[in-house]
């Protein structure tokens, strides 16, 4: 997770200053498997602020009896026998000082988590 500031000229600066962040760059790798059947997979990114609120678009997906609230449109990848690098930019205006938690879900299964702190 990289809090960044993208200037009007397109320059990208990593920052931890809450008032300068205008995007969150989320990167993760989906490990391929020769034993797995190729398929289309959906990954959901959930950003939770220090008050327990979901940050971003606050979308919802239903899986059986449970509902997952997430922060931006899901990322779809073709799962094959090779590693796939995933990168998503989420608008980050309105972030405040504090620690944020980022969860990545493969459908309704938590597969990765990270955190970052803004000053």
PDB file of N, CA and C in Angstrom:
ATOM      1  N   UNK A   1       0.860  -1.173   0.000  1.00  0.00           N
ATOM      2  CA  UNK A   1       0.000   0.000   0.000  1.00  0.00           C
ATOM      3  C   UNK A   1       0.901   1.228   0.000  1.00  0.00           C
ATOM      4  N   UNK A   2       0.684   2.104  -0.973  1.00  0.00           N
ATOM      5  CA  UNK A   2       1.480   3.315  -1.090  1.00  0.00           C
ATOM      6  C   UNK A   2       0.560   4.535  -1.141  1.00  0.00           C
ATOM      7  N   UNK A   3       0.540   5.348  -0.089  1.00  0.00           N
ATOM      8  CA  UNK A   3      -0.186   6.616  -0.194  1.00  0.00           C
ATOM      9  C   UNK A   3       0.639   7.540  -1.090  1.00  0.00           C
ATOM     10  N   UNK A   4       0.010   8.097  -2.108  1.00  0.00           N
ATOM     11  CA  UNK A   4       0.756   8.924  -3.055  1.00  0.00           C
ATOM     12  C   UNK A   4       0.031  10.228  -3.342  1.00  0.00           C
ATOM     13  N   UNK A   5       0.808  11.163  -3.900  1.00  0.00           N
ATOM     14  CA  UNK A   5       0.272  12.420  -4.393  1.00  0.00           C
ATOM     15  C   UNK A   5       0.638  12.492  -5.861  1.00  0.00           C
ATOM     16  N   UNK A   6      -0.373  12.566  -6.722  1.00  0.00           N
ATOM     17  CA  UNK A   6      -0.146  12.716  -8.154  1.00  0.00           C
ATOM     18  C   UNK A   6      -0.439  14.169  -8.494  1.00  0.00           C
ATOM     19  N   UNK A   7       0.598  14.875  -8.968  1.00  0.00           N
ATOM     20  CA  UNK A   7       0.441  16.294  -9.285  1.00  0.00           C
ATOM     21  C   UNK A   7      -0.306  16.461 -10.602  1.00  0.00           C
ATOM     22  N   UNK A   8      -0.699  17.688 -10.896  1.00  0.00           N
ATOM     23  CA  UNK A   8      -1.398  17.978 -12.147  1.00  0.00           C
ATOM     24  C   UNK A   8      -0.511  17.694 -13.356  1.00  0.00           C
ATOM     25  N   UNK A   9       0.807  17.720 -13.160  1.00  0.00           N
ATOM     26  CA  UNK A   9       1.750  17.414 -14.235  1.00  0.00           C
ATOM     27  C   UNK A   9       2.009  15.918 -14.360  1.00  0.00           C
ATOM     28  N   UNK A  10       1.437  15.132 -13.445  1.00  0.00           N
ATOM     29  CA  UNK A  10       1.601  13.683 -13.502  1.00  0.00           C
ATOM     30  C   UNK A  10       2.745  13.143 -12.673  1.00  0.00           C
ATOM     31  N   UNK A  11       3.415  14.002 -11.918  1.00  0.00           N
ATOM     32  CA  UNK A  11       4.493  13.534 -11.048  1.00  0.00           C
ATOM     33  C   UNK A  11       3.905  12.772  -9.868  1.00  0.00           C
ATOM     34  N   UNK A  12       4.533  11.654  -9.519  1.00  0.00           N
ATOM     35  CA  UNK A  12       4.055  10.813  -8.425  1.00  0.00           C
ATOM     36  C   UNK A  12       5.034  10.886  -7.270  1.00  0.00           C
ATOM     37  N   UNK A  13       4.521  11.269  -6.097  1.00  0.00           N
ATOM     38  CA  UNK A  13       5.334  11.348  -4.892  1.00  0.00           C
ATOM     39  C   UNK A  13       4.705  10.497  -3.803  1.00  0.00           C
ATOM     40  N   UNK A  14       5.510   9.635  -3.171  1.00  0.00           N
ATOM     41  CA  UNK A  14       5.025   8.879  -2.016  1.00  0.00           C
ATOM     42  C   UNK A  14       5.001   9.837  -0.836  1.00  0.00           C
ATOM     43  N   UNK A  15       3.949   9.767  -0.034  1.00  0.00           N
ATOM     44  CA  UNK A  15       3.821  10.667   1.104  1.00  0.00           C
ATOM     45  C   UNK A  15       3.098   9.976   2.247  1.00  0.00           C
ATOM     46  N   UNK A  16       3.363  10.418   3.455  1.00  0.00           N
ATOM     47  CA  UNK A  16       2.617   9.939   4.623  1.00  0.00           C
ATOM     48  C   UNK A  16       1.811  11.077   5.237  1.00  0.00           C
ATOM     49  N   UNK A  17       1.803  12.235   4.585  1.00  0.00           N
ATOM     50  CA  UNK A  17       1.040  13.384   5.055  1.00  0.00           C
ATOM     51  C   UNK A  17      -0.402  13.272   4.560  1.00  0.00           C
ATOM     52  N   UNK A  18      -1.327  13.116   5.494  1.00  0.00           N
ATOM     53  CA  UNK A  18      -2.732  12.900   5.151  1.00  0.00           C
ATOM     54  C   UNK A  18      -3.277  13.986   4.228  1.00  0.00           C
ATOM     55  N   UNK A  19      -2.892  15.229   4.442  1.00  0.00           N
ATOM     56  CA  UNK A  19      -3.447  16.326   3.638  1.00  0.00           C
ATOM     57  C   UNK A  19      -2.852  16.386   2.226  1.00  0.00           C
ATOM     58  N   UNK A  20      -1.841  15.578   1.916  1.00  0.00           N
ATOM     59  CA  UNK A  20      -1.241  15.573   0.579  1.00  0.00           C
ATOM     60  C   UNK A  20      -1.617  14.341  -0.246  1.00  0.00           C
ATOM     61  N   UNK A  21      -2.185  13.324   0.391  1.00  0.00           N
ATOM     62  CA  UNK A  21      -2.534  12.094  -0.318  1.00  0.00           C
ATOM     63  C   UNK A  21      -3.758  12.331  -1.199  1.00  0.00           C
ATOM     64  N   UNK A  22      -3.636  11.944  -2.497  1.00  0.00           N
ATOM     65  CA  UNK A  22      -4.815  11.997  -3.350  1.00  0.00           C
ATOM     66  C   UNK A  22      -5.107  10.645  -4.020  1.00  0.00           C
ATOM     67  N   UNK A  23      -4.219   9.667  -3.812  1.00  0.00           N
ATOM     68  CA  UNK A  23      -4.463   8.303  -4.290  1.00  0.00           C
ATOM     69  C   UNK A  23      -3.788   7.307  -3.363  1.00  0.00           C
ATOM     70  N   UNK A  24      -4.351   6.108  -3.331  1.00  0.00           N
ATOM     71  CA  UNK A  24      -3.698   4.979  -2.680  1.00  0.00           C
ATOM     72  C   UNK A  24      -3.365   3.985  -3.787  1.00  0.00           C
ATOM     73  N   UNK A  25      -2.109   3.624  -3.853  1.00  0.00           N
ATOM     74  CA  UNK A  25      -1.679   2.626  -4.840  1.00  0.00           C
ATOM     75  C   UNK A  25      -1.575   1.290  -4.121  1.00  0.00           C
ATOM     76  N   UNK A  26      -2.390   0.340  -4.526  1.00  0.00           N
ATOM     77  CA  UNK A  26      -2.432  -0.978  -3.902  1.00  0.00           C
ATOM     78  C   UNK A  26      -1.797  -1.972  -4.866  1.00  0.00           C
ATOM     79  N   UNK A  27      -0.782  -2.694  -4.398  1.00  0.00           N
ATOM     80  CA  UNK A  27      -0.111  -3.717  -5.204  1.00  0.00           C
ATOM     81  C   UNK A  27      -0.157  -5.048  -4.476  1.00  0.00           C
ATOM     82  N   UNK A  28      -0.405  -6.109  -5.220  1.00  0.00           N
ATOM     83  CA  UNK A  28      -0.269  -7.449  -4.672  1.00  0.00           C
ATOM     84  C   UNK A  28      -0.035  -8.428  -5.820  1.00  0.00           C
ATOM     85  N   UNK A  29       0.455  -9.618  -5.481  1.00  0.00           N
ATOM     86  CA  UNK A  29       0.742 -10.649  -6.470  1.00  0.00           C
ATOM     87  C   UNK A  29      -0.154 -11.847  -6.211  1.00  0.00           C
ATOM     88  N   UNK A  30      -0.783 -12.321  -7.269  1.00  0.00           N
ATOM     89  CA  UNK A  30      -1.563 -13.548  -7.187  1.00  0.00           C
ATOM     90  C   UNK A  30      -0.650 -14.662  -7.698  1.00  0.00           C
ATOM     91  N   UNK A  31      -0.355 -15.614  -6.829  1.00  0.00           N
ATOM     92  CA  UNK A  31       0.546 -16.707  -7.187  1.00  0.00           C
ATOM     93  C   UNK A  31      -0.166 -17.720  -8.062  1.00  0.00           C
ATOM     94  N   UNK A  32       0.462 -18.040  -9.174  1.00  0.00           N
ATOM     95  CA  UNK A  32      -0.087 -19.029 -10.080  1.00  0.00           C
ATOM     96  C   UNK A  32       0.127 -20.439  -9.551  1.00  0.00           C
ATOM     97  N   UNK A  33      -0.588 -21.381 -10.117  1.00  0.00           N
ATOM     98  CA  UNK A  33      -0.474 -22.780  -9.701  1.00  0.00           C
ATOM     99  C   UNK A  33      -0.727 -23.673 -10.908  1.00  0.00           C
ATOM    100  N   UNK A  34       0.222 -24.541 -11.207  1.00  0.00           N
ATOM    101  CA  UNK A  34       0.046 -25.464 -12.338  1.00  0.00           C
ATOM    102  C   UNK A  34      -1.072 -26.461 -12.073  1.00  0.00           C
ATOM    103  N   UNK A  35      -1.392 -26.692 -10.809  1.00  0.00           N
ATOM    104  CA  UNK A  35      -2.444 -27.657 -10.450  1.00  0.00           C
ATOM    105  C   UNK A  35      -3.840 -27.052 -10.571  1.00  0.00           C
ATOM    106  N   UNK A  36      -3.929 -25.728 -10.575  1.00  0.00           N
ATOM    107  CA  UNK A  36      -5.238 -25.062 -10.601  1.00  0.00           C
ATOM    108  C   UNK A  36      -5.770 -24.945 -12.025  1.00  0.00           C
ATOM    109  N   UNK A  37      -7.069 -24.941 -12.141  1.00  0.00           N
ATOM    110  CA  UNK A  37      -7.735 -24.764 -13.421  1.00  0.00           C
ATOM    111  C   UNK A  37      -7.776 -23.278 -13.749  1.00  0.00           C
ATOM    112  N   UNK A  38      -7.389 -22.877 -14.974  1.00  0.00           N
ATOM    113  CA  UNK A  38      -7.483 -21.461 -15.343  1.00  0.00           C
ATOM    114  C   UNK A  38      -8.926 -20.959 -15.202  1.00  0.00           C
ATOM    115  N   UNK A  39      -9.064 -19.761 -14.638  1.00  0.00           N
ATOM    116  CA  UNK A  39     -10.394 -19.186 -14.452  1.00  0.00           C
ATOM    117  C   UNK A  39     -10.276 -17.681 -14.235  1.00  0.00           C
ATOM    118  N   UNK A  40     -11.418 -17.009 -14.268  1.00  0.00           N
ATOM    119  CA  UNK A  40     -11.477 -15.583 -13.975  1.00  0.00           C
ATOM    120  C   UNK A  40     -11.725 -15.422 -12.480  1.00  0.00           C
ATOM    121  N   UNK A  41     -10.885 -14.627 -11.807  1.00  0.00           N
ATOM    122  CA  UNK A  41     -11.029 -14.417 -10.368  1.00  0.00           C
ATOM    123  C   UNK A  41     -11.290 -12.941 -10.094  1.00  0.00           C
ATOM    124  N   UNK A  42     -12.046 -12.690  -9.034  1.00  0.00           N
ATOM    125  CA  UNK A  42     -12.341 -11.324  -8.593  1.00  0.00           C
ATOM    126  C   UNK A  42     -11.689 -11.097  -7.244  1.00  0.00           C
ATOM    127  N   UNK A  43     -10.982  -9.974  -7.138  1.00  0.00           N
ATOM    128  CA  UNK A  43     -10.363  -9.578  -5.871  1.00  0.00           C
ATOM    129  C   UNK A  43     -10.967  -8.256  -5.421  1.00  0.00           C
ATOM    130  N   UNK A  44     -11.359  -8.232  -4.161  1.00  0.00           N
ATOM    131  CA  UNK A  44     -11.989  -7.058  -3.568  1.00  0.00           C
ATOM    132  C   UNK A  44     -11.021  -6.419  -2.584  1.00  0.00           C
ATOM    133  N   UNK A  45     -10.874  -5.102  -2.668  1.00  0.00           N
ATOM    134  CA  UNK A  45      -9.993  -4.371  -1.750  1.00  0.00           C
ATOM    135  C   UNK A  45     -10.864  -3.593  -0.778  1.00  0.00           C
ATOM    136  N   UNK A  46     -10.576  -3.802   0.498  1.00  0.00           N
ATOM    137  CA  UNK A  46     -11.326  -3.148   1.575  1.00  0.00           C
ATOM    138  C   UNK A  46     -10.339  -2.312   2.387  1.00  0.00           C
ATOM    139  N   UNK A  47     -10.609  -1.024   2.503  1.00  0.00           N
ATOM    140  CA  UNK A  47      -9.778  -0.130   3.313  1.00  0.00           C
ATOM    141  C   UNK A  47     -10.623   0.319   4.493  1.00  0.00           C
ATOM    142  N   UNK A  48     -10.122   0.060   5.685  1.00  0.00           N
ATOM    143  CA  UNK A  48     -10.856   0.395   6.901  1.00  0.00           C
ATOM    144  C   UNK A  48     -10.073   1.457   7.664  1.00  0.00           C
ATOM    145  N   UNK A  49     -10.759   2.536   8.035  1.00  0.00           N
ATOM    146  CA  UNK A  49     -10.075   3.600   8.769  1.00  0.00           C
ATOM    147  C   UNK A  49      -9.988   3.261  10.255  1.00  0.00           C
ATOM    148  N   UNK A  50      -9.381   4.144  11.001  1.00  0.00           N
ATOM    149  CA  UNK A  50      -9.122   3.936  12.429  1.00  0.00           C
ATOM    150  C   UNK A  50     -10.402   3.928  13.265  1.00  0.00           C
ATOM    151  N   UNK A  51     -11.533   4.316  12.673  1.00  0.00           N
ATOM    152  CA  UNK A  51     -12.819   4.278  13.386  1.00  0.00           C
ATOM    153  C   UNK A  51     -13.645   3.059  12.976  1.00  0.00           C
ATOM    154  N   UNK A  52     -13.093   2.202  12.121  1.00  0.00           N
ATOM    155  CA  UNK A  52     -13.794   1.000  11.689  1.00  0.00           C
ATOM    156  C   UNK A  52     -14.697   1.192  10.487  1.00  0.00           C
ATOM    157  N   UNK A  53     -14.606   2.342   9.825  1.00  0.00           N
ATOM    158  CA  UNK A  53     -15.429   2.629   8.653  1.00  0.00           C
ATOM    159  C   UNK A  53     -14.714   2.190   7.376  1.00  0.00           C
ATOM    160  N   UNK A  54     -15.473   1.708   6.397  1.00  0.00           N
ATOM    161  CA  UNK A  54     -14.903   1.368   5.100  1.00  0.00           C
ATOM    162  C   UNK A  54     -14.701   2.662   4.326  1.00  0.00           C
ATOM    163  N   UNK A  55     -13.482   2.867   3.835  1.00  0.00           N
ATOM    164  CA  UNK A  55     -13.143   4.065   3.083  1.00  0.00           C
ATOM    165  C   UNK A  55     -13.361   3.801   1.593  1.00  0.00           C
ATOM    166  N   UNK A  56     -13.727   4.825   0.857  1.00  0.00           N
ATOM    167  CA  UNK A  56     -13.856   4.719  -0.591  1.00  0.00           C
ATOM    168  C   UNK A  56     -15.299   4.693  -1.028  1.00  0.00           C
ATOM    169  N   UNK A  57     -15.549   3.933  -2.096  1.00  0.00           N
ATOM    170  CA  UNK A  57     -16.888   3.892  -2.701  1.00  0.00           C
ATOM    171  C   UNK A  57     -17.928   3.174  -1.853  1.00  0.00           C
ATOM    172  N   UNK A  58     -17.494   2.409  -0.869  1.00  0.00           N
ATOM    173  CA  UNK A  58     -18.384   1.679   0.042  1.00  0.00           C
ATOM    174  C   UNK A  58     -19.390   0.825  -0.733  1.00  0.00           C
ATOM    175  N   UNK A  59     -18.863  -0.068  -1.557  1.00  0.00           N
ATOM    176  CA  UNK A  59     -19.681  -0.988  -2.327  1.00  0.00           C
ATOM    177  C   UNK A  59     -19.929  -2.247  -1.509  1.00  0.00           C
ATOM    178  N   UNK A  60     -20.882  -3.070  -1.940  1.00  0.00           N
ATOM    179  CA  UNK A  60     -21.207  -4.290  -1.193  1.00  0.00           C
ATOM    180  C   UNK A  60     -21.358  -5.463  -2.158  1.00  0.00           C
ATOM    181  N   UNK A  61     -20.898  -6.620  -1.696  1.00  0.00           N
ATOM    182  CA  UNK A  61     -21.071  -7.872  -2.438  1.00  0.00           C
ATOM    183  C   UNK A  61     -21.616  -8.912  -1.479  1.00  0.00           C
ATOM    184  N   UNK A  62     -22.586  -9.682  -1.948  1.00  0.00           N
ATOM    185  CA  UNK A  62     -23.194 -10.706  -1.092  1.00  0.00           C
ATOM    186  C   UNK A  62     -22.617 -12.073  -1.450  1.00  0.00           C
ATOM    187  N   UNK A  63     -22.194 -12.789  -0.426  1.00  0.00           N
ATOM    188  CA  UNK A  63     -21.677 -14.146  -0.557  1.00  0.00           C
ATOM    189  C   UNK A  63     -22.459 -15.028   0.409  1.00  0.00           C
ATOM    190  N   UNK A  64     -23.410 -15.774  -0.096  1.00  0.00           N
ATOM    191  CA  UNK A  64     -24.245 -16.597   0.784  1.00  0.00           C
ATOM    192  C   UNK A  64     -25.016 -15.700   1.738  1.00  0.00           C
ATOM    193  N   UNK A  65     -24.810 -15.924   3.047  1.00  0.00           N
ATOM    194  CA  UNK A  65     -25.502 -15.135   4.072  1.00  0.00           C
ATOM    195  C   UNK A  65     -24.700 -13.931   4.539  1.00  0.00           C
ATOM    196  N   UNK A  66     -23.509 -13.746   3.999  1.00  0.00           N
ATOM    197  CA  UNK A  66     -22.680 -12.630   4.460  1.00  0.00           C
ATOM    198  C   UNK A  66     -22.537 -11.570   3.371  1.00  0.00           C
ATOM    199  N   UNK A  67     -22.269 -10.348   3.817  1.00  0.00           N
ATOM    200  CA  UNK A  67     -22.073  -9.216   2.918  1.00  0.00           C
ATOM    201  C   UNK A  67     -20.684  -8.649   3.168  1.00  0.00           C
ATOM    202  N   UNK A  68     -19.938  -8.425   2.082  1.00  0.00           N
ATOM    203  CA  UNK A  68     -18.612  -7.815   2.159  1.00  0.00           C
ATOM    204  C   UNK A  68     -18.714  -6.384   1.652  1.00  0.00           C
ATOM    205  N   UNK A  69     -18.322  -5.434   2.484  1.00  0.00           N
ATOM    206  CA  UNK A  69     -18.265  -4.036   2.077  1.00  0.00           C
ATOM    207  C   UNK A  69     -16.831  -3.753   1.649  1.00  0.00           C
ATOM    208  N   UNK A  70     -16.670  -3.135   0.485  1.00  0.00           N
ATOM    209  CA  UNK A  70     -15.328  -2.913  -0.033  1.00  0.00           C
ATOM    210  C   UNK A  70     -15.201  -1.503  -0.593  1.00  0.00           C
ATOM    211  N   UNK A  71     -13.964  -1.112  -0.935  1.00  0.00           N
ATOM    212  CA  UNK A  71     -13.639   0.285  -1.188  1.00  0.00           C
ATOM    213  C   UNK A  71     -13.639   0.729  -2.643  1.00  0.00           C
ATOM    214  N   UNK A  72     -13.496  -0.187  -3.584  1.00  0.00           N
ATOM    215  CA  UNK A  72     -13.428   0.192  -4.998  1.00  0.00           C
ATOM    216  C   UNK A  72     -13.880  -0.985  -5.845  1.00  0.00           C
ATOM    217  N   UNK A  73     -14.108  -0.728  -7.119  1.00  0.00           N
ATOM    218  CA  UNK A  73     -14.540  -1.796  -8.026  1.00  0.00           C
ATOM    219  C   UNK A  73     -13.581  -2.977  -7.929  1.00  0.00           C
ATOM    220  N   UNK A  74     -14.109  -4.199  -7.960  1.00  0.00           N
ATOM    221  CA  UNK A  74     -13.238  -5.369  -7.845  1.00  0.00           C
ATOM    222  C   UNK A  74     -12.272  -5.474  -9.019  1.00  0.00           C
ATOM    223  N   UNK A  75     -11.129  -6.080  -8.755  1.00  0.00           N
ATOM    224  CA  UNK A  75     -10.129  -6.327  -9.785  1.00  0.00           C
ATOM    225  C   UNK A  75     -10.335  -7.736 -10.298  1.00  0.00           C
ATOM    226  N   UNK A  76     -10.473  -7.881 -11.606  1.00  0.00           N
ATOM    227  CA  UNK A  76     -10.644  -9.198 -12.202  1.00  0.00           C
ATOM    228  C   UNK A  76      -9.365  -9.591 -12.921  1.00  0.00           C
ATOM    229  N   UNK A  77      -8.915 -10.825 -12.685  1.00  0.00           N
ATOM    230  CA  UNK A  77      -7.729 -11.323 -13.377  1.00  0.00           C
ATOM    231  C   UNK A  77      -8.011 -12.724 -13.897  1.00  0.00           C
ATOM    232  N   UNK A  78      -7.287 -13.098 -14.935  1.00  0.00           N
ATOM    233  CA  UNK A  78      -7.336 -14.463 -15.422  1.00  0.00           C
ATOM    234  C   UNK A  78      -6.308 -15.262 -14.643  1.00  0.00           C
ATOM    235  N   UNK A  79      -6.784 -16.172 -13.821  1.00  0.00           N
ATOM    236  CA  UNK A  79      -5.916 -16.993 -12.995  1.00  0.00           C
ATOM    237  C   UNK A  79      -5.356 -18.122 -13.854  1.00  0.00           C
ATOM    238  N   UNK A  80      -4.045 -18.175 -13.941  1.00  0.00           N
ATOM    239  CA  UNK A  80      -3.366 -19.195 -14.741  1.00  0.00           C
ATOM    240  C   UNK A  80      -2.207 -19.766 -13.944  1.00  0.00           C
ATOM    241  N   UNK A  81      -1.291 -20.425 -14.622  1.00  0.00           N
ATOM    242  CA  UNK A  81      -0.176 -21.059 -13.935  1.00  0.00           C
ATOM    243  C   UNK A  81       1.008 -20.122 -13.690  1.00  0.00           C
ATOM    244  N   UNK A  82       0.840 -18.829 -13.929  1.00  0.00           N
ATOM    245  CA  UNK A  82       1.906 -17.853 -13.713  1.00  0.00           C
ATOM    246  C   UNK A  82       1.479 -16.836 -12.666  1.00  0.00           C
ATOM    247  N   UNK A  83       2.454 -16.235 -11.995  1.00  0.00           N
ATOM    248  CA  UNK A  83       2.155 -15.164 -11.053  1.00  0.00           C
ATOM    249  C   UNK A  83       1.621 -13.951 -11.815  1.00  0.00           C
ATOM    250  N   UNK A  84       0.646 -13.282 -11.229  1.00  0.00           N
ATOM    251  CA  UNK A  84       0.061 -12.086 -11.839  1.00  0.00           C
ATOM    252  C   UNK A  84       0.198 -10.933 -10.850  1.00  0.00           C
ATOM    253  N   UNK A  85       0.848  -9.854 -11.293  1.00  0.00           N
ATOM    254  CA  UNK A  85       0.959  -8.657 -10.454  1.00  0.00           C
ATOM    255  C   UNK A  85      -0.279  -7.801 -10.666  1.00  0.00           C
ATOM    256  N   UNK A  86      -0.872  -7.374  -9.563  1.00  0.00           N
ATOM    257  CA  UNK A  86      -2.081  -6.563  -9.608  1.00  0.00           C
ATOM    258  C   UNK A  86      -1.763  -5.196  -9.009  1.00  0.00           C
ATOM    259  N   UNK A  87      -2.219  -4.158  -9.688  1.00  0.00           N
ATOM    260  CA  UNK A  87      -2.034  -2.795  -9.188  1.00  0.00           C
ATOM    261  C   UNK A  87      -3.352  -2.055  -9.372  1.00  0.00           C
ATOM    262  N   UNK A  88      -3.791  -1.395  -8.319  1.00  0.00           N
ATOM    263  CA  UNK A  88      -5.032  -0.632  -8.389  1.00  0.00           C
ATOM    264  C   UNK A  88      -4.824   0.709  -7.705  1.00  0.00           C
ATOM    265  N   UNK A  89      -5.351   1.755  -8.317  1.00  0.00           N
ATOM    266  CA  UNK A  89      -5.292   3.096  -7.744  1.00  0.00           C
ATOM    267  C   UNK A  89      -6.679   3.462  -7.237  1.00  0.00           C
ATOM    268  N   UNK A  90      -6.736   3.849  -5.971  1.00  0.00           N
ATOM    269  CA  UNK A  90      -7.998   4.229  -5.349  1.00  0.00           C
ATOM    270  C   UNK A  90      -7.892   5.686  -4.932  1.00  0.00           C
ATOM    271  N   UNK A  91      -8.854   6.530  -5.344  1.00  0.00           N
ATOM    272  CA  UNK A  91      -8.800   7.930  -4.921  1.00  0.00           C
ATOM    273  C   UNK A  91      -8.715   8.029  -3.402  1.00  0.00           C
ATOM    274  N   UNK A  92      -7.787   8.866  -2.926  1.00  0.00           N
ATOM    275  CA  UNK A  92      -7.542   8.942  -1.488  1.00  0.00           C
ATOM    276  C   UNK A  92      -7.808  10.303  -0.888  1.00  0.00           C
ATOM    277  N   UNK A  93      -8.557  11.132  -1.573  1.00  0.00           N
ATOM    278  CA  UNK A  93      -8.864  12.434  -0.990  1.00  0.00           C
ATOM    279  C   UNK A  93      -9.800  12.242   0.195  1.00  0.00           C
ATOM    280  N   UNK A  94      -9.596  13.027   1.211  1.00  0.00           N
ATOM    281  CA  UNK A  94     -10.432  12.934   2.399  1.00  0.00           C
ATOM    282  C   UNK A  94      -9.853  12.045   3.483  1.00  0.00           C
ATOM    283  N   UNK A  95      -8.686  11.472   3.243  1.00  0.00           N
ATOM    284  CA  UNK A  95      -8.048  10.665   4.291  1.00  0.00           C
ATOM    285  C   UNK A  95      -7.588  11.575   5.417  1.00  0.00           C
ATOM    286  N   UNK A  96      -7.683  11.063   6.645  1.00  0.00           N
ATOM    287  CA  UNK A  96      -7.259  11.834   7.814  1.00  0.00           C
ATOM    288  C   UNK A  96      -6.082  11.137   8.478  1.00  0.00           C
ATOM    289  N   UNK A  97      -5.470  11.822   9.409  1.00  0.00           N
ATOM    290  CA  UNK A  97      -4.362  11.234  10.158  1.00  0.00           C
ATOM    291  C   UNK A  97      -4.839   9.994  10.888  1.00  0.00           C
ATOM    292  N   UNK A  98      -3.995   8.959  10.899  1.00  0.00           N
ATOM    293  CA  UNK A  98      -4.334   7.730  11.605  1.00  0.00           C
ATOM    294  C   UNK A  98      -3.856   6.501  10.860  1.00  0.00           C
ATOM    295  N   UNK A  99      -4.169   5.347  11.413  1.00  0.00           N
ATOM    296  CA  UNK A  99      -3.776   4.072  10.827  1.00  0.00           C
ATOM    297  C   UNK A  99      -4.954   3.476  10.070  1.00  0.00           C
ATOM    298  N   UNK A 100      -4.676   2.977   8.882  1.00  0.00           N
ATOM    299  CA  UNK A 100      -5.673   2.358   8.017  1.00  0.00           C
ATOM    300  C   UNK A 100      -5.284   0.902   7.782  1.00  0.00           C
ATOM    301  N   UNK A 101      -6.284   0.065   7.614  1.00  0.00           N
ATOM    302  CA  UNK A 101      -6.068  -1.353   7.390  1.00  0.00           C
ATOM    303  C   UNK A 101      -6.594  -1.707   6.003  1.00  0.00           C
ATOM    304  N   UNK A 102      -5.806  -2.441   5.245  1.00  0.00           N
ATOM    305  CA  UNK A 102      -6.175  -2.830   3.890  1.00  0.00           C
ATOM    306  C   UNK A 102      -6.290  -4.346   3.837  1.00  0.00           C
ATOM    307  N   UNK A 103      -7.454  -4.827   3.427  1.00  0.00           N
ATOM    308  CA  UNK A 103      -7.703  -6.260   3.292  1.00  0.00           C
ATOM    309  C   UNK A 103      -7.981  -6.562   1.832  1.00  0.00           C
ATOM    310  N   UNK A 104      -7.421  -7.670   1.344  1.00  0.00           N
ATOM    311  CA  UNK A 104      -7.683  -8.127  -0.016  1.00  0.00           C
ATOM    312  C   UNK A 104      -8.421  -9.453   0.087  1.00  0.00           C
ATOM    313  N   UNK A 105      -9.559  -9.534  -0.595  1.00  0.00           N
ATOM    314  CA  UNK A 105     -10.392 -10.727  -0.571  1.00  0.00           C
ATOM    315  C   UNK A 105     -10.439 -11.368  -1.951  1.00  0.00           C
ATOM    316  N   UNK A 106     -10.329 -12.685  -1.983  1.00  0.00           N
ATOM    317  CA  UNK A 106     -10.608 -13.487  -3.172  1.00  0.00           C
ATOM    318  C   UNK A 106     -12.040 -13.957  -2.961  1.00  0.00           C
ATOM    319  N   UNK A 107     -12.980 -13.273  -3.636  1.00  0.00           N
ATOM    320  CA  UNK A 107     -14.399 -13.444  -3.351  1.00  0.00           C
ATOM    321  C   UNK A 107     -14.623 -13.117  -1.870  1.00  0.00           C
ATOM    322  N   UNK A 108     -15.013 -14.088  -1.035  1.00  0.00           N
ATOM    323  CA  UNK A 108     -15.246 -13.785   0.383  1.00  0.00           C
ATOM    324  C   UNK A 108     -14.140 -14.314   1.290  1.00  0.00           C
ATOM    325  N   UNK A 109     -13.011 -14.719   0.715  1.00  0.00           N
ATOM    326  CA  UNK A 109     -11.900 -15.269   1.484  1.00  0.00           C
ATOM    327  C   UNK A 109     -10.786 -14.230   1.630  1.00  0.00           C
ATOM    328  N   UNK A 110     -10.449 -13.865   2.862  1.00  0.00           N
ATOM    329  CA  UNK A 110      -9.369 -12.921   3.114  1.00  0.00           C
ATOM    330  C   UNK A 110      -8.045 -13.564   2.721  1.00  0.00           C
ATOM    331  N   UNK A 111      -7.315 -12.955   1.763  1.00  0.00           N
ATOM    332  CA  UNK A 111      -6.059 -13.544   1.296  1.00  0.00           C
ATOM    333  C   UNK A 111      -4.837 -12.707   1.615  1.00  0.00           C
ATOM    334  N   UNK A 112      -5.029 -11.444   1.967  1.00  0.00           N
ATOM    335  CA  UNK A 112      -3.890 -10.595   2.294  1.00  0.00           C
ATOM    336  C   UNK A 112      -4.364  -9.409   3.123  1.00  0.00           C
ATOM    337  N   UNK A 113      -3.478  -8.922   3.987  1.00  0.00           N
ATOM    338  CA  UNK A 113      -3.815  -7.715   4.735  1.00  0.00           C
ATOM    339  C   UNK A 113      -2.543  -6.928   4.998  1.00  0.00           C
ATOM    340  N   UNK A 114      -2.729  -5.625   5.117  1.00  0.00           N
ATOM    341  CA  UNK A 114      -1.618  -4.703   5.360  1.00  0.00           C
ATOM    342  C   UNK A 114      -2.189  -3.491   6.074  1.00  0.00           C
ATOM    343  N   UNK A 115      -1.310  -2.616   6.496  1.00  0.00           N
ATOM    344  CA  UNK A 115      -1.760  -1.366   7.122  1.00  0.00           C
ATOM    345  C   UNK A 115      -0.786  -0.249   6.758  1.00  0.00           C
ATOM    346  N   UNK A 116      -1.241   0.973   6.930  1.00  0.00           N
ATOM    347  CA  UNK A 116      -0.381   2.139   6.740  1.00  0.00           C
ATOM    348  C   UNK A 116      -0.865   3.236   7.673  1.00  0.00           C
ATOM    349  N   UNK A 117       0.033   4.138   7.990  1.00  0.00           N
ATOM    350  CA  UNK A 117      -0.285   5.236   8.901  1.00  0.00           C
ATOM    351  C   UNK A 117      -0.006   6.556   8.220  1.00  0.00           C
ATOM    352  N   UNK A 118      -0.949   7.482   8.336  1.00  0.00           N
ATOM    353  CA  UNK A 118      -0.776   8.832   7.811  1.00  0.00           C
ATOM    354  C   UNK A 118      -0.588   9.806   8.956  1.00  0.00           C
ATOM    355  N   UNK A 119       0.263  10.764   8.735  1.00  0.00           N
ATOM    356  CA  UNK A 119       0.563  11.774   9.752  1.00  0.00           C
ATOM    357  C   UNK A 119      -0.099  13.096   9.407  1.00  0.00           C
TER     358      UNK A 119
END
